């Protein structure tokens, strides 16, 4: 017998409705923008200001 633990198969299902895509994408944009804003807190004023502008544009769904 081996000392390795028995491996189990884990299966799951993710269902995403196309009708929900705009809300899902909006939520993801918001989360990513917040991560960028959080990271900007550790930067100098010029970099932080740029990161804030990029985060705002990204959250709005625009290109920066």
PDB file of N, CA and C in Angstrom:
ATOM      1  N   UNK A   1       0.827  -1.180   0.000  1.00  0.00           N
ATOM      2  CA  UNK A   1       0.000   0.000   0.000  1.00  0.00           C
ATOM      3  C   UNK A   1       0.873   1.245   0.000  1.00  0.00           C
ATOM      4  N   UNK A   2       0.383   2.264  -0.631  1.00  0.00           N
ATOM      5  CA  UNK A   2       1.099   3.523  -0.723  1.00  0.00           C
ATOM      6  C   UNK A   2       0.731   4.431   0.448  1.00  0.00           C
ATOM      7  N   UNK A   3       1.661   5.316   0.809  1.00  0.00           N
ATOM      8  CA  UNK A   3       1.394   6.292   1.865  1.00  0.00           C
ATOM      9  C   UNK A   3       0.654   7.517   1.339  1.00  0.00           C
ATOM     10  N   UNK A   4       0.446   7.582   0.036  1.00  0.00           N
ATOM     11  CA  UNK A   4      -0.246   8.723  -0.551  1.00  0.00           C
ATOM     12  C   UNK A   4      -1.724   8.674  -0.201  1.00  0.00           C
ATOM     13  N   UNK A   5      -2.313   9.839   0.070  1.00  0.00           N
ATOM     14  CA  UNK A   5      -3.748   9.856   0.371  1.00  0.00           C
ATOM     15  C   UNK A   5      -4.569   9.497  -0.863  1.00  0.00           C
ATOM     16  N   UNK A   6      -5.720   8.944  -0.637  1.00  0.00           N
ATOM     17  CA  UNK A   6      -6.607   8.578  -1.732  1.00  0.00           C
ATOM     18  C   UNK A   6      -7.110   9.841  -2.410  1.00  0.00           C
ATOM     19  N   UNK A   7      -7.068   9.869  -3.717  1.00  0.00           N
ATOM     20  CA  UNK A   7      -7.535  11.032  -4.473  1.00  0.00           C
ATOM     21  C   UNK A   7      -9.006  10.869  -4.802  1.00  0.00           C
ATOM     22  N   UNK A   8      -9.725  11.938  -4.599  1.00  0.00           N
ATOM     23  CA  UNK A   8     -11.151  11.932  -4.925  1.00  0.00           C
ATOM     24  C   UNK A   8     -11.377  12.850  -6.117  1.00  0.00           C
ATOM     25  N   UNK A   9     -12.322  12.506  -6.909  1.00  0.00           N
ATOM     26  CA  UNK A   9     -12.696  13.345  -8.028  1.00  0.00           C
ATOM     27  C   UNK A   9     -13.763  14.323  -7.556  1.00  0.00           C
ATOM     28  N   UNK A  10     -13.520  15.579  -7.823  1.00  0.00           N
ATOM     29  CA  UNK A  10     -14.488  16.617  -7.465  1.00  0.00           C
ATOM     30  C   UNK A  10     -15.036  17.184  -8.756  1.00  0.00           C
ATOM     31  N   UNK A  11     -16.320  17.207  -8.834  1.00  0.00           N
ATOM     32  CA  UNK A  11     -16.961  17.747 -10.029  1.00  0.00           C
ATOM     33  C   UNK A  11     -17.930  18.830  -9.612  1.00  0.00           C
ATOM     34  N   UNK A  12     -18.026  19.828 -10.426  1.00  0.00           N
ATOM     35  CA  UNK A  12     -18.951  20.916 -10.153  1.00  0.00           C
ATOM     36  C   UNK A  12     -19.527  21.435 -11.461  1.00  0.00           C
ATOM     37  N   UNK A  13     -20.449  22.312 -11.316  1.00  0.00           N
ATOM     38  CA  UNK A  13     -21.081  22.878 -12.495  1.00  0.00           C
ATOM     39  C   UNK A  13     -21.267  24.366 -12.255  1.00  0.00           C
ATOM     40  N   UNK A  14     -20.887  25.155 -13.234  1.00  0.00           N
ATOM     41  CA  UNK A  14     -21.061  26.595 -13.173  1.00  0.00           C
ATOM     42  C   UNK A  14     -22.002  26.973 -14.298  1.00  0.00           C
ATOM     43  N   UNK A  15     -23.092  27.603 -13.946  1.00  0.00           N
ATOM     44  CA  UNK A  15     -24.066  28.015 -14.939  1.00  0.00           C
ATOM     45  C   UNK A  15     -24.108  29.533 -14.957  1.00  0.00           C
ATOM     46  N   UNK A  16     -23.858  30.106 -16.122  1.00  0.00           N
ATOM     47  CA  UNK A  16     -23.927  31.549 -16.297  1.00  0.00           C
ATOM     48  C   UNK A  16     -24.922  31.816 -17.407  1.00  0.00           C
ATOM     49  N   UNK A  17     -25.938  32.556 -17.048  1.00  0.00           N
ATOM     50  CA  UNK A  17     -26.937  32.902 -18.052  1.00  0.00           C
ATOM     51  C   UNK A  17     -26.465  34.121 -18.833  1.00  0.00           C
ATOM     52  N   UNK A  18     -26.630  34.093 -20.122  1.00  0.00           N
ATOM     53  CA  UNK A  18     -26.235  35.206 -20.970  1.00  0.00           C
ATOM     54  C   UNK A  18     -26.942  36.488 -20.545  1.00  0.00           C
ATOM     55  N   UNK A  19     -28.162  36.366 -20.090  1.00  0.00           N
ATOM     56  CA  UNK A  19     -28.924  37.536 -19.652  1.00  0.00           C
ATOM     57  C   UNK A  19     -28.278  38.199 -18.438  1.00  0.00           C
ATOM     58  N   UNK A  20     -27.505  37.433 -17.649  1.00  0.00           N
ATOM     59  CA  UNK A  20     -26.855  37.978 -16.459  1.00  0.00           C
ATOM     60  C   UNK A  20     -25.479  38.572 -16.756  1.00  0.00           C
ATOM     61  N   UNK A  21     -24.993  38.437 -17.974  1.00  0.00           N
ATOM     62  CA  UNK A  21     -23.633  38.855 -18.304  1.00  0.00           C
ATOM     63  C   UNK A  21     -23.363  40.331 -18.002  1.00  0.00           C
ATOM     64  N   UNK A  22     -24.248  41.261 -18.337  1.00  0.00           N
ATOM     65  CA  UNK A  22     -23.936  42.668 -18.032  1.00  0.00           C
ATOM     66  C   UNK A  22     -23.715  42.920 -16.539  1.00  0.00           C
ATOM     67  N   UNK A  23     -24.535  42.321 -15.691  1.00  0.00           N
ATOM     68  CA  UNK A  23     -24.372  42.509 -14.256  1.00  0.00           C
ATOM     69  C   UNK A  23     -23.099  41.854 -13.753  1.00  0.00           C
ATOM     70  N   UNK A  24     -22.777  40.685 -14.281  1.00  0.00           N
ATOM     71  CA  UNK A  24     -21.562  39.980 -13.872  1.00  0.00           C
ATOM     72  C   UNK A  24     -20.332  40.791 -14.272  1.00  0.00           C
ATOM     73  N   UNK A  25     -20.307  41.268 -15.510  1.00  0.00           N
ATOM     74  CA  UNK A  25     -19.169  42.059 -15.976  1.00  0.00           C
ATOM     75  C   UNK A  25     -19.034  43.357 -15.196  1.00  0.00           C
ATOM     76  N   UNK A  26     -20.145  43.988 -14.882  1.00  0.00           N
ATOM     77  CA  UNK A  26     -20.109  45.211 -14.097  1.00  0.00           C
ATOM     78  C   UNK A  26     -19.514  44.949 -12.717  1.00  0.00           C
ATOM     79  N   UNK A  27     -19.925  43.878 -12.095  1.00  0.00           N
ATOM     80  CA  UNK A  27     -19.383  43.519 -10.793  1.00  0.00           C
ATOM     81  C   UNK A  27     -17.898  43.223 -10.848  1.00  0.00           C
ATOM     82  N   UNK A  28     -17.477  42.523 -11.884  1.00  0.00           N
ATOM     83  CA  UNK A  28     -16.051  42.222 -12.040  1.00  0.00           C
ATOM     84  C   UNK A  28     -15.244  43.494 -12.276  1.00  0.00           C
ATOM     85  N   UNK A  29     -15.765  44.411 -13.105  1.00  0.00           N
ATOM     86  CA  UNK A  29     -15.068  45.686 -13.339  1.00  0.00           C
ATOM     87  C   UNK A  29     -14.935  46.464 -12.039  1.00  0.00           C
ATOM     88  N   UNK A  30     -15.995  46.461 -11.239  1.00  0.00           N
ATOM     89  CA  UNK A  30     -15.965  47.179  -9.967  1.00  0.00           C
ATOM     90  C   UNK A  30     -14.914  46.584  -9.034  1.00  0.00           C
ATOM     91  N   UNK A  31     -14.871  45.269  -8.928  1.00  0.00           N
ATOM     92  CA  UNK A  31     -13.901  44.611  -8.056  1.00  0.00           C
ATOM     93  C   UNK A  31     -12.467  44.877  -8.506  1.00  0.00           C
ATOM     94  N   UNK A  32     -12.218  44.784  -9.810  1.00  0.00           N
ATOM     95  CA  UNK A  32     -10.873  45.027 -10.322  1.00  0.00           C
ATOM     96  C   UNK A  32     -10.463  46.480 -10.093  1.00  0.00           C
ATOM     97  N   UNK A  33     -11.391  47.407 -10.292  1.00  0.00           N
ATOM     98  CA  UNK A  33     -11.094  48.821 -10.064  1.00  0.00           C
ATOM     99  C   UNK A  33     -10.762  49.060  -8.595  1.00  0.00           C
ATOM    100  N   UNK A  34     -11.478  48.410  -7.705  1.00  0.00           N
ATOM    101  CA  UNK A  34     -11.205  48.581  -6.271  1.00  0.00           C
ATOM    102  C   UNK A  34      -9.829  48.032  -5.905  1.00  0.00           C
ATOM    103  N   UNK A  35      -9.439  46.912  -6.503  1.00  0.00           N
ATOM    104  CA  UNK A  35      -8.099  46.377  -6.265  1.00  0.00           C
ATOM    105  C   UNK A  35      -7.028  47.364  -6.730  1.00  0.00           C
ATOM    106  N   UNK A  36      -7.263  47.995  -7.872  1.00  0.00           N
ATOM    107  CA  UNK A  36      -6.320  48.986  -8.381  1.00  0.00           C
ATOM    108  C   UNK A  36      -6.253  50.195  -7.444  1.00  0.00           C
ATOM    109  N   UNK A  37      -7.405  50.632  -6.966  1.00  0.00           N
ATOM    110  CA  UNK A  37      -7.422  51.763  -6.018  1.00  0.00           C
ATOM    111  C   UNK A  37      -6.679  51.408  -4.731  1.00  0.00           C
ATOM    112  N   UNK A  38      -6.881  50.204  -4.243  1.00  0.00           N
ATOM    113  CA  UNK A  38      -6.196  49.772  -3.018  1.00  0.00           C
ATOM    114  C   UNK A  38      -4.686  49.760  -3.226  1.00  0.00           C
ATOM    115  N   UNK A  39      -4.241  49.260  -4.366  1.00  0.00           N
ATOM    116  CA  UNK A  39      -2.807  49.212  -4.663  1.00  0.00           C
ATOM    117  C   UNK A  39      -2.239  50.621  -4.816  1.00  0.00           C
ATOM    118  N   UNK A  40      -3.044  51.554  -5.309  1.00  0.00           N
ATOM    119  CA  UNK A  40      -2.582  52.924  -5.530  1.00  0.00           C
ATOM    120  C   UNK A  40      -2.268  53.642  -4.220  1.00  0.00           C
ATOM    121  N   UNK A  41      -2.830  53.171  -3.118  1.00  0.00           N
ATOM    122  CA  UNK A  41      -2.587  53.815  -1.829  1.00  0.00           C
ATOM    123  C   UNK A  41      -1.122  53.745  -1.422  1.00  0.00           C
ATOM    124  N   UNK A  42      -0.392  52.777  -1.937  1.00  0.00           N
ATOM    125  CA  UNK A  42       1.021  52.604  -1.588  1.00  0.00           C
ATOM    126  C   UNK A  42       1.957  53.305  -2.567  1.00  0.00           C
ATOM    127  N   UNK A  43       1.407  54.057  -3.494  1.00  0.00           N
ATOM    128  CA  UNK A  43       2.222  54.698  -4.526  1.00  0.00           C
ATOM    129  C   UNK A  43       2.342  56.198  -4.258  1.00  0.00           C
ATOM    130  N   UNK A  44       3.252  56.811  -4.995  1.00  0.00           N
ATOM    131  CA  UNK A  44       3.417  58.261  -4.910  1.00  0.00           C
ATOM    132  C   UNK A  44       2.207  58.972  -5.507  1.00  0.00           C
ATOM    133  N   UNK A  45       2.095  60.283  -5.291  1.00  0.00           N
ATOM    134  CA  UNK A  45       0.901  61.030  -5.721  1.00  0.00           C
ATOM    135  C   UNK A  45       0.619  60.960  -7.223  1.00  0.00           C
ATOM    136  N   UNK A  46       1.648  61.043  -8.053  1.00  0.00           N
ATOM    137  CA  UNK A  46       1.419  61.011  -9.508  1.00  0.00           C
ATOM    138  C   UNK A  46       0.925  59.643  -9.959  1.00  0.00           C
ATOM    139  N   UNK A  47       1.553  58.601  -9.461  1.00  0.00           N
ATOM    140  CA  UNK A  47       1.158  57.235  -9.828  1.00  0.00           C
ATOM    141  C   UNK A  47      -0.233  56.942  -9.275  1.00  0.00           C
ATOM    142  N   UNK A  48      -0.482  57.363  -8.041  1.00  0.00           N
ATOM    143  CA  UNK A  48      -1.793  57.129  -7.422  1.00  0.00           C
ATOM    144  C   UNK A  48      -2.894  57.832  -8.203  1.00  0.00           C
ATOM    145  N   UNK A  49      -2.650  59.072  -8.628  1.00  0.00           N
ATOM    146  CA  UNK A  49      -3.657  59.815  -9.398  1.00  0.00           C
ATOM    147  C   UNK A  49      -3.937  59.124 -10.722  1.00  0.00           C
ATOM    148  N   UNK A  50      -2.867  58.658 -11.382  1.00  0.00           N
ATOM    149  CA  UNK A  50      -3.051  57.930 -12.642  1.00  0.00           C
ATOM    150  C   UNK A  50      -3.849  56.651 -12.418  1.00  0.00           C
ATOM    151  N   UNK A  51      -3.499  55.906 -11.362  1.00  0.00           N
ATOM    152  CA  UNK A  51      -4.203  54.658 -11.063  1.00  0.00           C
ATOM    153  C   UNK A  51      -5.672  54.923 -10.761  1.00  0.00           C
ATOM    154  N   UNK A  52      -5.972  56.011 -10.094  1.00  0.00           N
ATOM    155  CA  UNK A  52      -7.363  56.357  -9.794  1.00  0.00           C
ATOM    156  C   UNK A  52      -8.136  56.646 -11.082  1.00  0.00           C
ATOM    157  N   UNK A  53      -7.502  57.364 -12.014  1.00  0.00           N
ATOM    158  CA  UNK A  53      -8.163  57.653 -13.296  1.00  0.00           C
ATOM    159  C   UNK A  53      -8.406  56.374 -14.093  1.00  0.00           C
ATOM    160  N   UNK A  54      -7.406  55.497 -14.111  1.00  0.00           N
ATOM    161  CA  UNK A  54      -7.550  54.230 -14.832  1.00  0.00           C
ATOM    162  C   UNK A  54      -8.642  53.385 -14.190  1.00  0.00           C
ATOM    163  N   UNK A  55      -8.672  53.341 -12.864  1.00  0.00           N
ATOM    164  CA  UNK A  55      -9.689  52.562 -12.156  1.00  0.00           C
ATOM    165  C   UNK A  55     -11.092  53.081 -12.480  1.00  0.00           C
ATOM    166  N   UNK A  56     -11.254  54.386 -12.503  1.00  0.00           N
ATOM    167  CA  UNK A  56     -12.567  54.972 -12.794  1.00  0.00           C
ATOM    168  C   UNK A  56     -13.018  54.626 -14.216  1.00  0.00           C
ATOM    169  N   UNK A  57     -12.099  54.741 -15.166  1.00  0.00           N
ATOM    170  CA  UNK A  57     -12.438  54.414 -16.563  1.00  0.00           C
ATOM    171  C   UNK A  57     -12.730  52.920 -16.710  1.00  0.00           C
ATOM    172  N   UNK A  58     -11.941  52.095 -16.060  1.00  0.00           N
ATOM    173  CA  UNK A  58     -12.121  50.652 -16.139  1.00  0.00           C
ATOM    174  C   UNK A  58     -13.471  50.271 -15.539  1.00  0.00           C
ATOM    175  N   UNK A  59     -13.790  50.859 -14.409  1.00  0.00           N
ATOM    176  CA  UNK A  59     -15.056  50.546 -13.739  1.00  0.00           C
ATOM    177  C   UNK A  59     -16.255  50.951 -14.599  1.00  0.00           C
ATOM    178  N   UNK A  60     -16.092  52.033 -15.337  1.00  0.00           N
ATOM    179  CA  UNK A  60     -17.169  52.502 -16.207  1.00  0.00           C
ATOM    180  C   UNK A  60     -17.275  51.679 -17.479  1.00  0.00           C
ATOM    181  N   UNK A  61     -16.292  50.813 -17.721  1.00  0.00           N
ATOM    182  CA  UNK A  61     -16.307  49.974 -18.913  1.00  0.00           C
ATOM    183  C   UNK A  61     -15.694  50.651 -20.111  1.00  0.00           C
ATOM    184  N   UNK A  62     -14.879  51.658 -19.858  1.00  0.00           N
ATOM    185  CA  UNK A  62     -14.231  52.382 -20.942  1.00  0.00           C
ATOM    186  C   UNK A  62     -12.777  51.991 -21.005  1.00  0.00           C
ATOM    187  N   UNK A  63     -12.165  52.292 -22.123  1.00  0.00           N
ATOM    188  CA  UNK A  63     -10.729  52.079 -22.242  1.00  0.00           C
ATOM    189  C   UNK A  63     -10.025  53.260 -21.618  1.00  0.00           C
ATOM    190  N   UNK A  64      -8.935  52.988 -20.930  1.00  0.00           N
ATOM    191  CA  UNK A  64      -8.170  54.079 -20.297  1.00  0.00           C
ATOM    192  C   UNK A  64      -7.150  54.616 -21.260  1.00  0.00           C
TER     193      UNK A  64
END
